[in-house]
Amino acid sequence: MAKRIAQIALGYAIWLLSTILSLVAVLYLRSFIVSDVPIGLLRVSYWSLQLWNYIGSVAVGLVWLFLVIVTEGYFRELADGELLVMLRRAAQILSAELVFLGLIYGIQALI
């Protein structure tokens, strides 16, 4: 029983780490979509920049919320399995998020 509780707690701790990491990635993505693309590449006016800001913020926020909900269910299902399988799959998800964060940061640095 204690092993099961510890495994569930580990699953939620990894999910929280994944949520924080994806939030950082989404904030970089929002900054890229809202400021770097319209100002640096498209040269838009002030009014369309405000619209771009609102639409970009809502879209990125909804994508992040969807990601958090899906990964919570995924990590909850993983807590029912073996510990090594859970850690391996969690490492895959976290590494994919790190690659996404690095990609966004790299593209933002180029612009």
N, C-alpha and C. Protein backbone atom coordinates (compact mmCIF):
# COMPACT_ATOMS: atom_id res chain seq x y z
N MET A 1 0.82 -1.20 0.00
CA MET A 1 0.00 0.00 0.00
C MET A 1 0.86 1.26 0.00
N ALA A 2 1.93 1.25 0.80
CA ALA A 2 2.81 2.41 0.87
C ALA A 2 3.55 2.59 -0.45
N LYS A 3 3.88 1.47 -1.11
CA LYS A 3 4.56 1.55 -2.41
C LYS A 3 3.63 2.20 -3.44
N ARG A 4 2.37 1.85 -3.41
CA ARG A 4 1.40 2.41 -4.35
C ARG A 4 1.22 3.92 -4.12
N ILE A 5 1.14 4.33 -2.87
CA ILE A 5 1.00 5.75 -2.55
C ILE A 5 2.25 6.52 -2.98
N ALA A 6 3.41 5.94 -2.75
CA ALA A 6 4.65 6.59 -3.16
C ALA A 6 4.73 6.70 -4.68
N GLN A 7 4.26 5.69 -5.37
CA GLN A 7 4.29 5.72 -6.83
C GLN A 7 3.31 6.77 -7.38
N ILE A 8 2.16 6.88 -6.76
CA ILE A 8 1.20 7.91 -7.18
C ILE A 8 1.75 9.30 -6.89
N ALA A 9 2.38 9.47 -5.73
CA ALA A 9 2.98 10.76 -5.38
C ALA A 9 4.11 11.10 -6.36
N LEU A 10 4.90 10.11 -6.74
CA LEU A 10 5.97 10.34 -7.72
C LEU A 10 5.38 10.72 -9.07
N GLY A 11 4.29 10.06 -9.45
CA GLY A 11 3.64 10.39 -10.72
C GLY A 11 3.16 11.83 -10.74
N TYR A 12 2.56 12.28 -9.64
CA TYR A 12 2.08 13.67 -9.59
C TYR A 12 3.24 14.66 -9.49
N ALA A 13 4.33 14.27 -8.85
CA ALA A 13 5.50 15.15 -8.80
C ALA A 13 6.11 15.31 -10.19
N ILE A 14 6.17 14.23 -10.94
CA ILE A 14 6.68 14.31 -12.31
C ILE A 14 5.72 15.11 -13.18
N TRP A 15 4.42 14.93 -12.95
CA TRP A 15 3.43 15.71 -13.71
C TRP A 15 3.57 17.20 -13.40
N LEU A 16 3.80 17.55 -12.15
CA LEU A 16 3.99 18.95 -11.78
C LEU A 16 5.25 19.52 -12.43
N LEU A 17 6.32 18.74 -12.46
CA LEU A 17 7.54 19.16 -13.14
C LEU A 17 7.28 19.36 -14.63
N SER A 18 6.54 18.44 -15.22
CA SER A 18 6.19 18.55 -16.64
C SER A 18 5.33 19.79 -16.89
N THR A 19 4.41 20.07 -15.99
CA THR A 19 3.55 21.24 -16.13
C THR A 19 4.36 22.53 -16.06
N ILE A 20 5.27 22.61 -15.14
CA ILE A 20 6.11 23.81 -15.00
C ILE A 20 7.00 23.98 -16.22
N LEU A 21 7.59 22.88 -16.69
CA LEU A 21 8.45 22.95 -17.86
C LEU A 21 7.65 23.36 -19.10
N SER A 22 6.46 22.82 -19.25
CA SER A 22 5.65 23.20 -20.40
C SER A 22 5.15 24.64 -20.28
N LEU A 23 4.93 25.12 -19.06
CA LEU A 23 4.53 26.52 -18.87
C LEU A 23 5.64 27.46 -19.32
N VAL A 24 6.87 27.14 -18.98
CA VAL A 24 8.00 27.97 -19.42
C VAL A 24 8.08 27.95 -20.95
N ALA A 25 7.90 26.77 -21.55
CA ALA A 25 7.95 26.67 -23.01
C ALA A 25 6.82 27.47 -23.65
N VAL A 26 5.64 27.42 -23.05
CA VAL A 26 4.50 28.15 -23.60
C VAL A 26 4.69 29.65 -23.44
N LEU A 27 5.28 30.09 -22.36
CA LEU A 27 5.54 31.53 -22.20
C LEU A 27 6.54 32.02 -23.23
N TYR A 28 7.57 31.21 -23.52
CA TYR A 28 8.50 31.57 -24.60
C TYR A 28 7.79 31.57 -25.94
N LEU A 29 6.91 30.58 -26.16
CA LEU A 29 6.16 30.52 -27.40
C LEU A 29 5.24 31.73 -27.54
N ARG A 30 4.59 32.13 -26.47
CA ARG A 30 3.72 33.30 -26.50
C ARG A 30 4.52 34.56 -26.83
N SER A 31 5.68 34.69 -26.21
CA SER A 31 6.53 35.84 -26.50
C SER A 31 6.95 35.84 -27.96
N PHE A 32 7.24 34.67 -28.49
CA PHE A 32 7.64 34.56 -29.89
C PHE A 32 6.48 34.91 -30.82
N ILE A 33 5.28 34.37 -30.52
CA ILE A 33 4.13 34.59 -31.38
C ILE A 33 3.63 36.04 -31.30
N VAL A 34 3.62 36.57 -30.09
CA VAL A 34 3.00 37.89 -29.89
C VAL A 34 3.94 39.04 -30.23
N SER A 35 5.22 38.91 -29.92
CA SER A 35 6.08 40.07 -30.15
C SER A 35 7.09 39.86 -31.28
N ASP A 36 7.75 38.74 -31.33
CA ASP A 36 8.82 38.58 -32.31
C ASP A 36 8.31 38.45 -33.74
N VAL A 37 7.27 37.66 -33.94
CA VAL A 37 6.75 37.46 -35.30
C VAL A 37 6.13 38.74 -35.85
N PRO A 38 5.18 39.37 -35.13
CA PRO A 38 4.56 40.56 -35.74
C PRO A 38 5.50 41.75 -35.85
N ILE A 39 6.34 41.97 -34.86
CA ILE A 39 7.21 43.15 -34.89
C ILE A 39 8.43 42.90 -35.77
N GLY A 40 9.08 41.77 -35.58
CA GLY A 40 10.32 41.52 -36.30
C GLY A 40 10.13 41.09 -37.74
N LEU A 41 9.11 40.26 -38.00
CA LEU A 41 8.97 39.71 -39.34
C LEU A 41 7.88 40.38 -40.17
N LEU A 42 6.73 40.65 -39.55
CA LEU A 42 5.59 41.13 -40.32
C LEU A 42 5.46 42.64 -40.36
N ARG A 43 6.07 43.34 -39.41
CA ARG A 43 6.02 44.79 -39.33
C ARG A 43 4.57 45.30 -39.32
N VAL A 44 3.79 44.83 -38.35
CA VAL A 44 2.38 45.19 -38.28
C VAL A 44 2.18 46.49 -37.51
N SER A 45 0.99 47.05 -37.63
CA SER A 45 0.67 48.30 -36.95
C SER A 45 0.32 48.02 -35.49
N TYR A 46 0.14 49.10 -34.73
CA TYR A 46 -0.14 48.98 -33.30
C TYR A 46 -1.46 48.28 -33.04
N TRP A 47 -2.51 48.61 -33.82
CA TRP A 47 -3.84 48.04 -33.58
C TRP A 47 -3.87 46.55 -33.90
N SER A 48 -3.26 46.18 -34.96
CA SER A 48 -3.25 44.75 -35.28
C SER A 48 -2.32 44.00 -34.32
N LEU A 49 -1.35 44.69 -33.75
CA LEU A 49 -0.50 44.06 -32.75
C LEU A 49 -1.30 43.74 -31.49
N GLN A 50 -2.22 44.61 -31.10
CA GLN A 50 -3.07 44.34 -29.93
C GLN A 50 -3.96 43.13 -30.19
N LEU A 51 -4.55 43.04 -31.36
CA LEU A 51 -5.38 41.89 -31.71
C LEU A 51 -4.55 40.63 -31.73
N TRP A 52 -3.38 40.71 -32.31
CA TRP A 52 -2.44 39.58 -32.36
C TRP A 52 -2.09 39.14 -30.94
N ASN A 53 -1.93 40.08 -30.02
CA ASN A 53 -1.61 39.79 -28.63
C ASN A 53 -2.73 38.99 -27.97
N TYR A 54 -3.97 39.45 -28.13
CA TYR A 54 -5.10 38.77 -27.49
C TYR A 54 -5.33 37.38 -28.07
N ILE A 55 -5.33 37.28 -29.38
CA ILE A 55 -5.58 35.99 -30.02
C ILE A 55 -4.43 35.02 -29.73
N GLY A 56 -3.21 35.51 -29.80
CA GLY A 56 -2.06 34.64 -29.51
C GLY A 56 -2.04 34.17 -28.08
N SER A 57 -2.38 35.04 -27.15
CA SER A 57 -2.39 34.66 -25.73
C SER A 57 -3.45 33.62 -25.44
N VAL A 58 -4.63 33.80 -25.99
CA VAL A 58 -5.71 32.84 -25.76
C VAL A 58 -5.38 31.49 -26.41
N ALA A 59 -4.88 31.52 -27.63
CA ALA A 59 -4.56 30.27 -28.33
C ALA A 59 -3.47 29.49 -27.60
N VAL A 60 -2.42 30.17 -27.21
CA VAL A 60 -1.32 29.49 -26.52
C VAL A 60 -1.78 28.99 -25.15
N GLY A 61 -2.61 29.77 -24.46
CA GLY A 61 -3.13 29.33 -23.17
C GLY A 61 -4.00 28.10 -23.27
N LEU A 62 -4.83 28.03 -24.30
CA LEU A 62 -5.68 26.85 -24.50
C LEU A 62 -4.86 25.61 -24.85
N VAL A 63 -3.83 25.79 -25.65
CA VAL A 63 -2.96 24.66 -25.99
C VAL A 63 -2.25 24.15 -24.73
N TRP A 64 -1.79 25.07 -23.89
CA TRP A 64 -1.12 24.65 -22.66
C TRP A 64 -2.09 23.93 -21.73
N LEU A 65 -3.30 24.44 -21.59
CA LEU A 65 -4.30 23.79 -20.74
C LEU A 65 -4.62 22.39 -21.24
N PHE A 66 -4.75 22.22 -22.54
CA PHE A 66 -4.99 20.90 -23.11
C PHE A 66 -3.82 19.96 -22.80
N LEU A 67 -2.60 20.47 -22.95
CA LEU A 67 -1.42 19.65 -22.66
C LEU A 67 -1.37 19.21 -21.20
N VAL A 68 -1.71 20.10 -20.30
CA VAL A 68 -1.70 19.77 -18.87
C VAL A 68 -2.74 18.71 -18.55
N ILE A 69 -3.92 18.83 -19.12
CA ILE A 69 -4.98 17.85 -18.85
C ILE A 69 -4.62 16.49 -19.41
N VAL A 70 -4.08 16.45 -20.61
CA VAL A 70 -3.72 15.17 -21.23
C VAL A 70 -2.57 14.51 -20.48
N THR A 71 -1.56 15.27 -20.11
CA THR A 71 -0.43 14.64 -19.42
C THR A 71 -0.80 14.19 -18.01
N GLU A 72 -1.75 14.86 -17.36
CA GLU A 72 -2.18 14.41 -16.04
C GLU A 72 -2.82 13.03 -16.12
N GLY A 73 -3.68 12.84 -17.09
CA GLY A 73 -4.28 11.52 -17.28
C GLY A 73 -3.24 10.47 -17.65
N TYR A 74 -2.28 10.87 -18.45
CA TYR A 74 -1.22 9.95 -18.87
C TYR A 74 -0.37 9.52 -17.67
N PHE A 75 0.03 10.48 -16.84
CA PHE A 75 0.84 10.13 -15.67
C PHE A 75 0.03 9.36 -14.63
N ARG A 76 -1.27 9.60 -14.54
CA ARG A 76 -2.11 8.84 -13.62
C ARG A 76 -2.19 7.38 -14.07
N GLU A 77 -2.30 7.15 -15.37
CA GLU A 77 -2.30 5.79 -15.89
C GLU A 77 -0.95 5.12 -15.68
N LEU A 78 0.12 5.88 -15.81
CA LEU A 78 1.45 5.32 -15.61
C LEU A 78 1.69 4.89 -14.17
N ALA A 79 1.03 5.55 -13.22
CA ALA A 79 1.22 5.21 -11.82
C ALA A 79 0.69 3.82 -11.49
N ASP A 80 -0.18 3.28 -12.35
CA ASP A 80 -0.70 1.94 -12.13
C ASP A 80 0.29 0.86 -12.56
N GLY A 81 1.26 1.19 -13.38
CA GLY A 81 2.21 0.21 -13.89
C GLY A 81 3.45 0.11 -13.01
N GLU A 82 4.50 -0.43 -13.62
CA GLU A 82 5.76 -0.59 -12.91
C GLU A 82 6.52 0.74 -12.86
N LEU A 83 7.39 0.83 -11.87
CA LEU A 83 8.11 2.08 -11.64
C LEU A 83 9.08 2.40 -12.78
N LEU A 84 9.80 1.41 -13.28
CA LEU A 84 10.77 1.67 -14.35
C LEU A 84 10.09 2.10 -15.64
N VAL A 85 8.95 1.50 -15.93
CA VAL A 85 8.21 1.90 -17.12
C VAL A 85 7.73 3.34 -16.97
N MET A 86 7.26 3.67 -15.79
CA MET A 86 6.79 5.03 -15.53
C MET A 86 7.92 6.04 -15.67
N LEU A 87 9.07 5.73 -15.11
CA LEU A 87 10.20 6.66 -15.20
C LEU A 87 10.71 6.80 -16.63
N ARG A 88 10.70 5.71 -17.38
CA ARG A 88 11.17 5.77 -18.77
C ARG A 88 10.23 6.63 -19.61
N ARG A 89 8.94 6.44 -19.46
CA ARG A 89 7.98 7.24 -20.23
C ARG A 89 7.97 8.69 -19.77
N ALA A 90 8.15 8.92 -18.48
CA ALA A 90 8.23 10.29 -17.98
C ALA A 90 9.47 10.98 -18.54
N ALA A 91 10.57 10.25 -18.62
CA ALA A 91 11.79 10.82 -19.20
C ALA A 91 11.58 11.16 -20.68
N GLN A 92 10.81 10.35 -21.39
CA GLN A 92 10.52 10.64 -22.79
C GLN A 92 9.70 11.92 -22.92
N ILE A 93 8.70 12.07 -22.08
CA ILE A 93 7.86 13.27 -22.14
C ILE A 93 8.67 14.51 -21.76
N LEU A 94 9.44 14.41 -20.69
CA LEU A 94 10.23 15.57 -20.24
C LEU A 94 11.29 15.94 -21.27
N SER A 95 11.91 14.95 -21.90
CA SER A 95 12.91 15.26 -22.91
C SER A 95 12.27 15.89 -24.14
N ALA A 96 11.06 15.45 -24.50
CA ALA A 96 10.36 16.09 -25.62
C ALA A 96 10.02 17.55 -25.30
N GLU A 97 9.63 17.80 -24.06
CA GLU A 97 9.35 19.18 -23.66
C GLU A 97 10.61 20.02 -23.66
N LEU A 98 11.73 19.44 -23.23
CA LEU A 98 13.00 20.17 -23.26
C LEU A 98 13.44 20.48 -24.68
N VAL A 99 13.24 19.54 -25.59
CA VAL A 99 13.58 19.78 -27.00
C VAL A 99 12.70 20.89 -27.56
N PHE A 100 11.40 20.88 -27.23
CA PHE A 100 10.49 21.92 -27.67
C PHE A 100 10.91 23.28 -27.12
N LEU A 101 11.27 23.33 -25.84
CA LEU A 101 11.72 24.57 -25.22
C LEU A 101 13.00 25.06 -25.88
N GLY A 102 13.93 24.17 -26.14
CA GLY A 102 15.17 24.56 -26.81
C GLY A 102 14.93 25.05 -28.22
N LEU A 103 13.99 24.42 -28.92
CA LEU A 103 13.66 24.84 -30.28
C LEU A 103 13.06 26.24 -30.29
N ILE A 104 12.14 26.48 -29.40
CA ILE A 104 11.52 27.81 -29.32
C ILE A 104 12.55 28.86 -28.93
N TYR A 105 13.38 28.54 -27.94
CA TYR A 105 14.40 29.49 -27.51
C TYR A 105 15.41 29.76 -28.62
N GLY A 106 15.78 28.72 -29.36
CA GLY A 106 16.71 28.88 -30.46
C GLY A 106 16.16 29.74 -31.58
N ILE A 107 14.90 29.50 -31.95
CA ILE A 107 14.27 30.30 -33.00
C ILE A 107 14.12 31.75 -32.54
N GLN A 108 13.76 31.93 -31.28
CA GLN A 108 13.62 33.29 -30.74
C GLN A 108 14.96 34.01 -30.72
N ALA A 109 16.03 33.28 -30.45
CA ALA A 109 17.35 33.91 -30.44
C ALA A 109 17.81 34.28 -31.84
N LEU A 110 17.37 33.54 -32.84
CA LEU A 110 17.75 33.86 -34.22
C LEU A 110 17.05 35.11 -34.74
N ILE A 111 15.85 35.35 -34.24
CA ILE A 111 15.09 36.51 -34.72
C ILE A 111 15.47 37.69 -33.86
